[in-house]
Amino acid sequence: MARAIWSGSISFGLLNVPVKLYSAVSKQTVRFRELREGDSSRVKHKRVAESDGKEVPYEKIVKGYEYAPDQYVVLTKDELSDLEPQRSRAIEIQDFVDLDDIDPIYFEQPYYLGPDKGAERAYALLVEAMKDARKVAIARFVLRNKEHLAAIRPMDDVLTLTTMRFADEVTSPKDLDEVFEDAKPKKPEQRELEMAKQLIGSLTSDFKPDQYRDEYREELLDLLERKAAGKEVVSTPSEEPKPTKAPDLMAALEESLAAVKGEEATSDGKASKAKAKPKPKAKSSSGSKSSSKSKSSSSNGRKSSSRKKTKAKA
């Protein structure tokens, strides 16, 4: 059962809706421990001072800001505590905007907002009103001693809250002008643009999240299970993808479009019908949960060629 990590209320005009905050994601990460090679003894990290190498207890550590090389402004815990934002229990809605007006680069961490006891009716009212208005609420609130900007929107019958980056935390594309100074992007030819748009249209489909899997994590777990079972593994060298050169753009676009349509590109740029090659059957499981996965068959049919594959010797 999900546990609330924060409780407060949504402040909307004179309306206050008591809510609880729940995590909306569960990161699936393969974690490793640091061991000494040879005997697999656990490695511990200690806090030591650079000047004499002596270990420093946690209560003796203070925060310092380096304003010049090796020169610091030290702040005490009390000084930092006085600067912390007030621990308000309110999510204060400041504006309502269109979702399309928010670039995804501003989004950070997603959460669910659930109604607190006795607030079910007011909560349902806010959900339905935001659904009908098709708007996203921009709000501020304090979580873990840090002030956050957040976007609130309905999803089905639940409100979601996604923390956002502030404007000065996002690098502007204009800052890349120096990067492109020696290699400025050139305007594509109209024929290339039309062909690229056709390719995009051919690969367009509905977004289905369960089609996409973390193949690296699954293969890593499969490798770990094989090694834990005492099986020897060998790796095959990976082939790095090469960038498409400008003179080859049209040929690459034509071949890509023909492949999507199940055709063969001819030397004159036209396509001829070709029998679609049968897809290889998925390999049978070797007894591990992760090796029984089936690769997602998304509409583009692309597979990463840069990943190292591991295979068990017979």
C-alpha atoms as a PDB file:
ATOM      1  CA  MET A   1       0.000   0.000   0.000  1.00  0.00           C
ATOM      2  CA  ALA A   2       1.335   3.432  -0.985  1.00  0.00           C
ATOM      3  CA  ARG A   3       2.332   5.715   1.887  1.00  0.00           C
ATOM      4  CA  ALA A   4       1.868   9.465   1.884  1.00  0.00           C
ATOM      5  CA  ILE A   5       5.174  11.353   1.961  1.00  0.00           C
ATOM      6  CA  TRP A   6       3.630  14.790   2.613  1.00  0.00           C
ATOM      7  CA  SER A   7       0.283  16.184   3.677  1.00  0.00           C
ATOM      8  CA  GLY A   8      -1.189  19.658   3.347  1.00  0.00           C
ATOM      9  CA  SER A   9      -3.832  21.421   1.298  1.00  0.00           C
ATOM     10  CA  ILE A  10      -4.324  22.907  -2.149  1.00  0.00           C
ATOM     11  CA  SER A  11      -5.011  26.611  -1.786  1.00  0.00           C
ATOM     12  CA  PHE A  12      -7.213  27.867  -4.621  1.00  0.00           C
ATOM     13  CA  GLY A  13      -8.743  31.291  -4.013  1.00  0.00           C
ATOM     14  CA  LEU A  14     -10.731  30.880  -0.786  1.00  0.00           C
ATOM     15  CA  LEU A  15     -10.937  27.112  -1.321  1.00  0.00           C
ATOM     16  CA  ASN A  16      -8.621  24.794   0.645  1.00  0.00           C
ATOM     17  CA  VAL A  17      -8.610  21.110  -0.262  1.00  0.00           C
ATOM     18  CA  PRO A  18      -6.709  18.848   2.206  1.00  0.00           C
ATOM     19  CA  VAL A  19      -4.525  16.437   0.235  1.00  0.00           C
ATOM     20  CA  LYS A  20      -1.768  13.873   0.641  1.00  0.00           C
ATOM     21  CA  LEU A  21       1.240  13.490  -1.638  1.00  0.00           C
ATOM     22  CA  TYR A  22       2.270  10.065  -2.986  1.00  0.00           C
ATOM     23  CA  SER A  23       5.184   9.074  -5.187  1.00  0.00           C
ATOM     24  CA  ALA A  24       4.083   8.320  -8.752  1.00  0.00           C
ATOM     25  CA  VAL A  25       7.160   6.390  -9.849  1.00  0.00           C
ATOM     26  CA  SER A  26       9.196   3.437  -8.650  1.00  0.00           C
ATOM     27  CA  LYS A  27      12.676   3.555 -10.109  1.00  0.00           C
ATOM     28  CA  GLN A  28      13.968   0.136 -11.124  1.00  0.00           C
ATOM     29  CA  THR A  29      17.719   0.417 -10.624  1.00  0.00           C
ATOM     30  CA  VAL A  30      20.298  -2.346 -10.383  1.00  0.00           C
ATOM     31  CA  ARG A  31      22.480  -1.384  -7.409  1.00  0.00           C
ATOM     32  CA  PHE A  32      26.037  -2.544  -6.826  1.00  0.00           C
ATOM     33  CA  ARG A  33      28.174  -2.518  -3.681  1.00  0.00           C
ATOM     34  CA  GLU A  34      31.853  -1.646  -3.726  1.00  0.00           C
ATOM     35  CA  LEU A  35      34.031  -4.657  -2.879  1.00  0.00           C
ATOM     36  CA  ARG A  36      37.744  -5.344  -2.670  1.00  0.00           C
ATOM     37  CA  GLU A  37      38.917  -7.416  -5.603  1.00  0.00           C
ATOM     38  CA  GLY A  38      40.003 -10.851  -4.559  1.00  0.00           C
ATOM     39  CA  ASP A  39      38.072 -11.472  -1.348  1.00  0.00           C
ATOM     40  CA  SER A  40      34.890  -9.393  -1.987  1.00  0.00           C
ATOM     41  CA  SER A  41      35.273  -7.553   1.307  1.00  0.00           C
ATOM     42  CA  ARG A  42      32.910  -4.570   1.634  1.00  0.00           C
ATOM     43  CA  VAL A  43      34.525  -1.174   1.105  1.00  0.00           C
ATOM     44  CA  LYS A  44      33.529   1.687   3.440  1.00  0.00           C
ATOM     45  CA  HIS A  45      34.033   5.387   2.788  1.00  0.00           C
ATOM     46  CA  LYS A  46      35.188   7.690   5.549  1.00  0.00           C
ATOM     47  CA  ARG A  47      35.114  11.479   5.872  1.00  0.00           C
ATOM     48  CA  VAL A  48      38.689  12.658   6.250  1.00  0.00           C
ATOM     49  CA  ALA A  49      40.265  16.127   6.328  1.00  0.00           C
ATOM     50  CA  GLU A  50      42.630  16.931   3.456  1.00  0.00           C
ATOM     51  CA  SER A  51      45.095  18.737   5.686  1.00  0.00           C
ATOM     52  CA  ASP A  52      45.998  15.860   8.034  1.00  0.00           C
ATOM     53  CA  GLY A  53      44.026  12.827   6.772  1.00  0.00           C
ATOM     54  CA  LYS A  54      42.196  12.441  10.087  1.00  0.00           C
ATOM     55  CA  GLU A  55      38.586  11.216  10.109  1.00  0.00           C
ATOM     56  CA  VAL A  56      36.012  13.940  10.840  1.00  0.00           C
ATOM     57  CA  PRO A  57      32.862  13.064  12.832  1.00  0.00           C
ATOM     58  CA  TYR A  58      29.586  14.170  11.280  1.00  0.00           C
ATOM     59  CA  GLU A  59      28.795  16.694  14.054  1.00  0.00           C
ATOM     60  CA  LYS A  60      32.055  18.536  13.297  1.00  0.00           C
ATOM     61  CA  ILE A  61      31.243  19.100   9.627  1.00  0.00           C
ATOM     62  CA  VAL A  62      30.039  22.573   8.578  1.00  0.00           C
ATOM     63  CA  LYS A  63      28.887  23.958   5.222  1.00  0.00           C
ATOM     64  CA  GLY A  64      31.233  26.214   3.287  1.00  0.00           C
ATOM     65  CA  TYR A  65      30.796  28.093   0.004  1.00  0.00           C
ATOM     66  CA  GLU A  66      33.944  28.518  -2.105  1.00  0.00           C
ATOM     67  CA  TYR A  67      33.862  32.112  -3.394  1.00  0.00           C
ATOM     68  CA  ALA A  68      37.522  32.003  -4.537  1.00  0.00           C
ATOM     69  CA  PRO A  69      40.103  29.200  -4.871  1.00  0.00           C
ATOM     70  CA  ASP A  70      40.555  27.680  -1.379  1.00  0.00           C
ATOM     71  CA  GLN A  71      38.632  30.544   0.239  1.00  0.00           C
ATOM     72  CA  TYR A  72      35.308  29.774   1.888  1.00  0.00           C
ATOM     73  CA  VAL A  73      32.373  31.466   3.549  1.00  0.00           C
ATOM     74  CA  VAL A  74      31.227  29.172   6.376  1.00  0.00           C
ATOM     75  CA  LEU A  75      27.576  29.026   7.453  1.00  0.00           C
ATOM     76  CA  THR A  76      26.450  27.438  10.691  1.00  0.00           C
ATOM     77  CA  LYS A  77      23.480  25.089  10.942  1.00  0.00           C
ATOM     78  CA  ASP A  78      21.479  27.837  12.675  1.00  0.00           C
ATOM     79  CA  GLU A  79      22.206  30.313   9.884  1.00  0.00           C
ATOM     80  CA  LEU A  80      21.125  27.796   7.268  1.00  0.00           C
ATOM     81  CA  SER A  81      18.011  26.952   9.288  1.00  0.00           C
ATOM     82  CA  ASP A  82      16.995  30.624   9.408  1.00  0.00           C
ATOM     83  CA  LEU A  83      17.216  30.833   5.606  1.00  0.00           C
ATOM     84  CA  GLU A  84      15.101  27.735   4.958  1.00  0.00           C
ATOM     85  CA  PRO A  85      11.660  28.411   3.456  1.00  0.00           C
ATOM     86  CA  GLN A  86       8.783  28.421   5.915  1.00  0.00           C
ATOM     87  CA  ARG A  87       7.345  24.934   6.265  1.00  0.00           C
ATOM     88  CA  SER A  88       3.930  25.847   4.970  1.00  0.00           C
ATOM     89  CA  ARG A  89       1.467  23.011   4.446  1.00  0.00           C
ATOM     90  CA  ALA A  90      -0.180  24.770   1.527  1.00  0.00           C
ATOM     91  CA  ILE A  91       0.176  24.145  -2.195  1.00  0.00           C
ATOM     92  CA  GLU A  92      -0.597  27.648  -3.421  1.00  0.00           C
ATOM     93  CA  ILE A  93      -1.989  27.762  -6.951  1.00  0.00           C
ATOM     94  CA  GLN A  94      -0.784  30.915  -8.698  1.00  0.00           C
ATOM     95  CA  ASP A  95      -1.874  30.495 -12.322  1.00  0.00           C
ATOM     96  CA  PHE A  96      -3.736  28.246 -14.733  1.00  0.00           C
ATOM     97  CA  VAL A  97      -2.091  27.644 -18.106  1.00  0.00           C
ATOM     98  CA  ASP A  98      -2.397  25.377 -21.148  1.00  0.00           C
ATOM     99  CA  LEU A  99      -0.334  22.194 -20.955  1.00  0.00           C
ATOM    100  CA  ASP A 100       1.051  22.830 -24.446  1.00  0.00           C
ATOM    101  CA  ASP A 101       2.556  26.094 -23.171  1.00  0.00           C
ATOM    102  CA  ILE A 102       4.922  24.179 -20.849  1.00  0.00           C
ATOM    103  CA  ASP A 103       7.996  22.709 -22.489  1.00  0.00           C
ATOM    104  CA  PRO A 104       8.717  19.201 -21.061  1.00  0.00           C
ATOM    105  CA  ILE A 105      12.260  20.321 -20.216  1.00  0.00           C
ATOM    106  CA  TYR A 106      10.795  22.077 -17.150  1.00  0.00           C
ATOM    107  CA  PHE A 107       9.308  18.890 -15.649  1.00  0.00           C
ATOM    108  CA  GLU A 108      11.163  16.979 -12.922  1.00  0.00           C
ATOM    109  CA  GLN A 109       9.538  14.482 -10.523  1.00  0.00           C
ATOM    110  CA  PRO A 110       5.930  13.252 -10.741  1.00  0.00           C
ATOM    111  CA  TYR A 111       3.645  12.614  -7.747  1.00  0.00           C
ATOM    112  CA  TYR A 112      -0.010  11.830  -7.087  1.00  0.00           C
ATOM    113  CA  LEU A 113      -2.228  14.054  -4.951  1.00  0.00           C
ATOM    114  CA  GLY A 114      -4.938  12.166  -3.089  1.00  0.00           C
ATOM    115  CA  PRO A 115      -7.753  13.599  -0.956  1.00  0.00           C
ATOM    116  CA  ASP A 116      -7.383  13.648   2.806  1.00  0.00           C
ATOM    117  CA  LYS A 117     -10.251  12.422   4.986  1.00  0.00           C
ATOM    118  CA  GLY A 118     -13.316  14.618   4.687  1.00  0.00           C
ATOM    119  CA  ALA A 119     -12.057  16.359   1.528  1.00  0.00           C
ATOM    120  CA  GLU A 120     -13.366  13.875  -1.037  1.00  0.00           C
ATOM    121  CA  ARG A 121     -16.119  16.151  -2.350  1.00  0.00           C
ATOM    122  CA  ALA A 122     -13.953  19.267  -2.698  1.00  0.00           C
ATOM    123  CA  TYR A 123     -11.202  17.150  -4.291  1.00  0.00           C
ATOM    124  CA  ALA A 124     -13.605  15.657  -6.866  1.00  0.00           C
ATOM    125  CA  LEU A 125     -14.896  19.149  -7.634  1.00  0.00           C
ATOM    126  CA  LEU A 126     -11.391  20.425  -8.368  1.00  0.00           C
ATOM    127  CA  VAL A 127     -10.617  17.399 -10.562  1.00  0.00           C
ATOM    128  CA  GLU A 128     -13.774  17.832 -12.655  1.00  0.00           C
ATOM    129  CA  ALA A 129     -13.378  21.614 -12.938  1.00  0.00           C
ATOM    130  CA  MET A 130      -9.794  21.261 -14.190  1.00  0.00           C
ATOM    131  CA  LYS A 131     -10.851  18.532 -16.618  1.00  0.00           C
ATOM    132  CA  ASP A 132     -13.547  20.733 -18.118  1.00  0.00           C
ATOM    133  CA  ALA A 133     -11.265  23.769 -18.270  1.00  0.00           C
ATOM    134  CA  ARG A 134      -8.426  21.677 -19.780  1.00  0.00           C
ATOM    135  CA  LYS A 135      -5.922  23.706 -17.797  1.00  0.00           C
ATOM    136  CA  VAL A 136      -2.813  23.013 -15.719  1.00  0.00           C
ATOM    137  CA  ALA A 137      -2.344  24.722 -12.360  1.00  0.00           C
ATOM    138  CA  ILE A 138       1.057  26.256 -11.609  1.00  0.00           C
ATOM    139  CA  ALA A 139       1.737  26.254  -7.861  1.00  0.00           C
ATOM    140  CA  ARG A 140       4.404  26.644  -5.200  1.00  0.00           C
ATOM    141  CA  PHE A 141       4.955  24.460  -2.128  1.00  0.00           C
ATOM    142  CA  VAL A 142       7.684  23.401   0.281  1.00  0.00           C
ATOM    143  CA  LEU A 143       8.897  19.794   0.354  1.00  0.00           C
ATOM    144  CA  ARG A 144      11.911  18.603   2.358  1.00  0.00           C
ATOM    145  CA  ASN A 145      12.987  22.149   3.282  1.00  0.00           C
ATOM    146  CA  LYS A 146      13.057  23.243  -0.359  1.00  0.00           C
ATOM    147  CA  GLU A 147      10.618  25.431  -2.217  1.00  0.00           C
ATOM    148  CA  HIS A 148       9.314  23.854  -5.409  1.00  0.00           C
ATOM    149  CA  LEU A 149       7.479  25.063  -8.456  1.00  0.00           C
ATOM    150  CA  ALA A 150       4.898  22.491  -9.554  1.00  0.00           C
ATOM    151  CA  ALA A 151       2.340  21.698 -12.237  1.00  0.00           C
ATOM    152  CA  ILE A 152      -0.971  20.141 -11.134  1.00  0.00           C
ATOM    153  CA  ARG A 153      -3.237  18.439 -13.640  1.00  0.00           C
ATOM    154  CA  PRO A 154      -5.925  15.751 -13.609  1.00  0.00           C
ATOM    155  CA  MET A 155      -5.263  12.237 -14.890  1.00  0.00           C
ATOM    156  CA  ASP A 156      -8.386  10.084 -14.976  1.00  0.00           C
ATOM    157  CA  ASP A 157      -9.986  10.875 -11.587  1.00  0.00           C
ATOM    158  CA  VAL A 158      -6.764  11.739  -9.759  1.00  0.00           C
ATOM    159  CA  LEU A 159      -4.688  14.907  -9.526  1.00  0.00           C
ATOM    160  CA  THR A 160      -1.029  14.654 -10.411  1.00  0.00           C
ATOM    161  CA  LEU A 161       1.674  17.025  -9.203  1.00  0.00           C
ATOM    162  CA  THR A 162       4.974  17.328 -11.068  1.00  0.00           C
ATOM    163  CA  THR A 163       7.787  19.396  -9.625  1.00  0.00           C
ATOM    164  CA  MET A 164       9.322  21.812 -12.118  1.00  0.00           C
ATOM    165  CA  ARG A 165      12.627  23.526 -12.739  1.00  0.00           C
ATOM    166  CA  PHE A 166      12.802  27.287 -12.350  1.00  0.00           C
ATOM    167  CA  ALA A 167      13.577  29.313 -15.463  1.00  0.00           C
ATOM    168  CA  ASP A 168      17.166  30.087 -14.410  1.00  0.00           C
ATOM    169  CA  GLU A 169      17.852  26.352 -14.027  1.00  0.00           C
ATOM    170  CA  VAL A 170      17.159  25.642 -17.702  1.00  0.00           C
ATOM    171  CA  THR A 171      19.912  26.309 -20.227  1.00  0.00           C
ATOM    172  CA  SER A 172      18.681  28.354 -23.170  1.00  0.00           C
ATOM    173  CA  PRO A 173      19.236  26.976 -26.708  1.00  0.00           C
ATOM    174  CA  LYS A 174      20.838  30.350 -27.487  1.00  0.00           C
ATOM    175  CA  ASP A 175      23.722  29.316 -25.229  1.00  0.00           C
ATOM    176  CA  LEU A 176      24.636  26.737 -27.875  1.00  0.00           C
ATOM    177  CA  ASP A 177      25.511  29.415 -30.443  1.00  0.00           C
ATOM    178  CA  GLU A 178      29.189  29.042 -29.567  1.00  0.00           C
ATOM    179  CA  VAL A 179      28.960  25.280 -30.089  1.00  0.00           C
ATOM    180  CA  PHE A 180      27.551  25.763 -33.595  1.00  0.00           C
ATOM    181  CA  GLU A 181      29.916  28.609 -34.446  1.00  0.00           C
ATOM    182  CA  ASP A 182      32.185  26.387 -36.561  1.00  0.00           C
ATOM    183  CA  ALA A 183      29.446  24.021 -37.727  1.00  0.00           C
ATOM    184  CA  LYS A 184      26.197  25.910 -38.135  1.00  0.00           C
ATOM    185  CA  PRO A 185      23.247  23.718 -39.185  1.00  0.00           C
ATOM    186  CA  LYS A 186      22.396  24.241 -42.840  1.00  0.00           C
ATOM    187  CA  LYS A 187      18.859  24.589 -44.123  1.00  0.00           C
ATOM    188  CA  PRO A 188      17.747  21.266 -45.676  1.00  0.00           C
ATOM    189  CA  GLU A 189      16.601  20.966 -49.261  1.00  0.00           C
ATOM    190  CA  GLN A 190      12.845  20.835 -49.811  1.00  0.00           C
ATOM    191  CA  ARG A 191      13.002  17.304 -51.219  1.00  0.00           C
ATOM    192  CA  GLU A 192      14.923  16.082 -48.159  1.00  0.00           C
ATOM    193  CA  LEU A 193      12.448  17.806 -45.850  1.00  0.00           C
ATOM    194  CA  GLU A 194       9.436  16.208 -47.558  1.00  0.00           C
ATOM    195  CA  MET A 195      11.047  12.761 -47.446  1.00  0.00           C
ATOM    196  CA  ALA A 196      11.900  13.176 -43.731  1.00  0.00           C
ATOM    197  CA  LYS A 197       8.289  14.206 -43.013  1.00  0.00           C
ATOM    198  CA  GLN A 198       7.054  11.093 -44.874  1.00  0.00           C
ATOM    199  CA  LEU A 199       9.349   8.918 -42.763  1.00  0.00           C
ATOM    200  CA  ILE A 200       8.075  10.545 -39.558  1.00  0.00           C
ATOM    201  CA  GLY A 201       4.495  10.004 -40.709  1.00  0.00           C
ATOM    202  CA  SER A 202       5.173   6.335 -41.480  1.00  0.00           C
ATOM    203  CA  LEU A 203       6.581   5.791 -37.989  1.00  0.00           C
ATOM    204  CA  THR A 204       3.822   7.694 -36.197  1.00  0.00           C
ATOM    205  CA  SER A 205       1.643   5.642 -33.818  1.00  0.00           C
ATOM    206  CA  ASP A 206      -0.183   5.913 -30.505  1.00  0.00           C
ATOM    207  CA  PHE A 207       2.034   6.080 -27.432  1.00  0.00           C
ATOM    208  CA  LYS A 208       1.861   2.805 -25.495  1.00  0.00           C
ATOM    209  CA  PRO A 209       4.222   2.942 -22.488  1.00  0.00           C
ATOM    210  CA  ASP A 210       4.305  -0.824 -21.956  1.00  0.00           C
ATOM    211  CA  GLN A 211       5.891  -1.265 -25.406  1.00  0.00           C
ATOM    212  CA  TYR A 212       9.150   0.239 -24.215  1.00  0.00           C
ATOM    213  CA  ARG A 213      11.340  -1.694 -21.819  1.00  0.00           C
ATOM    214  CA  ASP A 214      14.679  -1.035 -20.148  1.00  0.00           C
ATOM    215  CA  GLU A 215      16.559  -3.599 -22.242  1.00  0.00           C
ATOM    216  CA  TYR A 216      19.925  -2.750 -20.680  1.00  0.00           C
ATOM    217  CA  ARG A 217      18.632  -3.439 -17.155  1.00  0.00           C
ATOM    218  CA  GLU A 218      17.006  -6.710 -18.240  1.00  0.00           C
ATOM    219  CA  GLU A 219      20.192  -7.889 -19.958  1.00  0.00           C
ATOM    220  CA  LEU A 220      22.262  -6.839 -16.935  1.00  0.00           C
ATOM    221  CA  LEU A 221      20.014  -8.862 -14.598  1.00  0.00           C
ATOM    222  CA  ASP A 222      20.235 -11.805 -16.993  1.00  0.00           C
ATOM    223  CA  LEU A 223      24.038 -11.576 -16.942  1.00  0.00           C
ATOM    224  CA  LEU A 224      24.079 -11.406 -13.127  1.00  0.00           C
ATOM    225  CA  GLU A 225      21.829 -14.452 -12.824  1.00  0.00           C
ATOM    226  CA  ARG A 226      23.966 -16.426 -15.270  1.00  0.00           C
ATOM    227  CA  LYS A 227      27.143 -15.574 -13.393  1.00  0.00           C
ATOM    228  CA  ALA A 228      25.486 -16.360 -10.055  1.00  0.00           C
ATOM    229  CA  ALA A 229      24.580 -19.777 -11.487  1.00  0.00           C
ATOM    230  CA  GLY A 230      28.232 -20.381 -12.368  1.00  0.00           C
ATOM    231  CA  LYS A 231      27.847 -20.017 -16.123  1.00  0.00           C
ATOM    232  CA  GLU A 232      30.713 -18.531 -18.097  1.00  0.00           C
ATOM    233  CA  VAL A 233      29.838 -15.552 -20.276  1.00  0.00           C
ATOM    234  CA  VAL A 234      31.604 -13.943 -23.202  1.00  0.00           C
ATOM    235  CA  SER A 235      30.998 -10.533 -24.720  1.00  0.00           C
ATOM    236  CA  THR A 236      30.918  -9.612 -28.374  1.00  0.00           C
ATOM    237  CA  PRO A 237      32.332  -6.295 -29.577  1.00  0.00           C
ATOM    238  CA  SER A 238      29.726  -3.625 -30.241  1.00  0.00           C
ATOM    239  CA  GLU A 239      29.425  -1.724 -33.491  1.00  0.00           C
ATOM    240  CA  GLU A 240      29.089   2.012 -33.073  1.00  0.00           C
ATOM    241  CA  PRO A 241      26.563   3.702 -35.384  1.00  0.00           C
ATOM    242  CA  LYS A 242      28.139   6.035 -37.933  1.00  0.00           C
ATOM    243  CA  PRO A 243      26.599   9.458 -38.688  1.00  0.00           C
ATOM    244  CA  THR A 244      24.850   9.836 -42.023  1.00  0.00           C
ATOM    245  CA  LYS A 245      26.900  12.084 -44.326  1.00  0.00           C
ATOM    246  CA  ALA A 246      25.197  14.939 -46.140  1.00  0.00           C
ATOM    247  CA  PRO A 247      25.502  13.428 -49.674  1.00  0.00           C
ATOM    248  CA  ASP A 248      23.900  10.214 -48.398  1.00  0.00           C
ATOM    249  CA  LEU A 249      20.879  11.852 -46.748  1.00  0.00           C
ATOM    250  CA  MET A 250      18.412  11.203 -49.585  1.00  0.00           C
ATOM    251  CA  ALA A 251      19.568   7.612 -50.052  1.00  0.00           C
ATOM    252  CA  ALA A 252      19.264   6.953 -46.311  1.00  0.00           C
ATOM    253  CA  LEU A 253      15.806   8.529 -46.194  1.00  0.00           C
ATOM    254  CA  GLU A 254      14.609   6.542 -49.224  1.00  0.00           C
ATOM    255  CA  GLU A 255      15.914   3.255 -47.825  1.00  0.00           C
ATOM    256  CA  SER A 256      14.397   3.969 -44.403  1.00  0.00           C
ATOM    257  CA  LEU A 257      11.008   4.817 -45.890  1.00  0.00           C
ATOM    258  CA  ALA A 258      11.098   1.739 -48.123  1.00  0.00           C
ATOM    259  CA  ALA A 259      11.998  -0.475 -45.157  1.00  0.00           C
ATOM    260  CA  VAL A 260       9.004   0.797 -43.190  1.00  0.00           C
ATOM    261  CA  LYS A 261       6.708   0.086 -46.158  1.00  0.00           C
ATOM    262  CA  GLY A 262       8.223  -3.360 -46.747  1.00  0.00           C
ATOM    263  CA  GLU A 263       9.769  -2.366 -50.069  1.00  0.00           C
ATOM    264  CA  GLU A 264      13.223  -2.284 -51.611  1.00  0.00           C
ATOM    265  CA  ALA A 265      14.722   0.995 -52.765  1.00  0.00           C
ATOM    266  CA  THR A 266      16.069   0.903 -56.326  1.00  0.00           C
ATOM    267  CA  SER A 267      19.009   2.822 -57.739  1.00  0.00           C
ATOM    268  CA  ASP A 268      16.704   5.442 -59.304  1.00  0.00           C
ATOM    269  CA  GLY A 269      15.171   6.271 -55.949  1.00  0.00           C
ATOM    270  CA  LYS A 270      11.938   4.389 -56.600  1.00  0.00           C
ATOM    271  CA  ALA A 271      10.698   1.541 -54.469  1.00  0.00           C
ATOM    272  CA  SER A 272       9.695  -1.958 -55.523  1.00  0.00           C
ATOM    273  CA  LYS A 273       7.603  -4.387 -53.530  1.00  0.00           C
ATOM    274  CA  ALA A 274       9.523  -6.965 -51.576  1.00  0.00           C
ATOM    275  CA  LYS A 275       8.395  -9.823 -49.440  1.00  0.00           C
ATOM    276  CA  ALA A 276       8.583  -8.908 -45.814  1.00  0.00           C
ATOM    277  CA  LYS A 277      11.153 -10.969 -43.971  1.00  0.00           C
ATOM    278  CA  PRO A 278       9.713 -13.024 -41.145  1.00  0.00           C
ATOM    279  CA  LYS A 279      10.613 -11.710 -37.725  1.00  0.00           C
ATOM    280  CA  PRO A 280      12.921 -13.998 -35.730  1.00  0.00           C
ATOM    281  CA  LYS A 281      11.234 -15.868 -32.930  1.00  0.00           C
ATOM    282  CA  ALA A 282      12.047 -14.832 -29.404  1.00  0.00           C
ATOM    283  CA  LYS A 283      14.687 -16.962 -27.722  1.00  0.00           C
ATOM    284  CA  SER A 284      13.449 -19.352 -25.091  1.00  0.00           C
ATOM    285  CA  SER A 285      14.089 -18.627 -21.434  1.00  0.00           C
ATOM    286  CA  SER A 286      17.246 -19.951 -19.787  1.00  0.00           C
ATOM    287  CA  GLY A 287      15.545 -20.223 -16.434  1.00  0.00           C
ATOM    288  CA  SER A 288      15.874 -16.600 -15.339  1.00  0.00           C
ATOM    289  CA  LYS A 289      13.029 -14.153 -15.026  1.00  0.00           C
ATOM    290  CA  SER A 290      14.805 -11.390 -16.865  1.00  0.00           C
ATOM    291  CA  SER A 291      15.825 -13.599 -19.808  1.00  0.00           C
ATOM    292  CA  SER A 292      12.204 -14.475 -20.512  1.00  0.00           C
ATOM    293  CA  LYS A 293      11.473 -10.975 -21.653  1.00  0.00           C
ATOM    294  CA  SER A 294      10.206 -10.278 -25.142  1.00  0.00           C
ATOM    295  CA  LYS A 295      11.646  -7.311 -26.992  1.00  0.00           C
ATOM    296  CA  SER A 296       9.152  -4.556 -27.615  1.00  0.00           C
ATOM    297  CA  SER A 297       8.067  -4.338 -31.246  1.00  0.00           C
ATOM    298  CA  SER A 298       7.499  -0.601 -31.571  1.00  0.00           C
ATOM    299  CA  SER A 299       6.366   0.818 -34.897  1.00  0.00           C
ATOM    300  CA  ASN A 300       9.848   1.850 -35.980  1.00  0.00           C
ATOM    301  CA  GLY A 301      11.334  -1.610 -35.416  1.00  0.00           C
ATOM    302  CA  ARG A 302      14.609  -0.039 -34.361  1.00  0.00           C
ATOM    303  CA  LYS A 303      17.076  -1.894 -32.165  1.00  0.00           C
ATOM    304  CA  SER A 304      20.146  -0.458 -30.517  1.00  0.00           C
ATOM    305  CA  SER A 305      23.308  -1.631 -32.221  1.00  0.00           C
ATOM    306  CA  SER A 306      25.612  -0.022 -29.706  1.00  0.00           C
ATOM    307  CA  ARG A 307      24.794  -2.264 -26.745  1.00  0.00           C
ATOM    308  CA  LYS A 308      27.144  -5.070 -25.804  1.00  0.00           C
ATOM    309  CA  LYS A 309      25.444  -8.453 -25.946  1.00  0.00           C
ATOM    310  CA  THR A 310      26.390 -11.251 -23.597  1.00  0.00           C
ATOM    311  CA  LYS A 311      25.880 -14.900 -24.441  1.00  0.00           C
ATOM    312  CA  ALA A 312      26.501 -18.025 -22.356  1.00  0.00           C
ATOM    313  CA  LYS A 313      28.774 -20.671 -23.765  1.00  0.00           C
ATOM    314  CA  ALA A 314      27.097 -23.973 -24.435  1.00  0.00           C
END
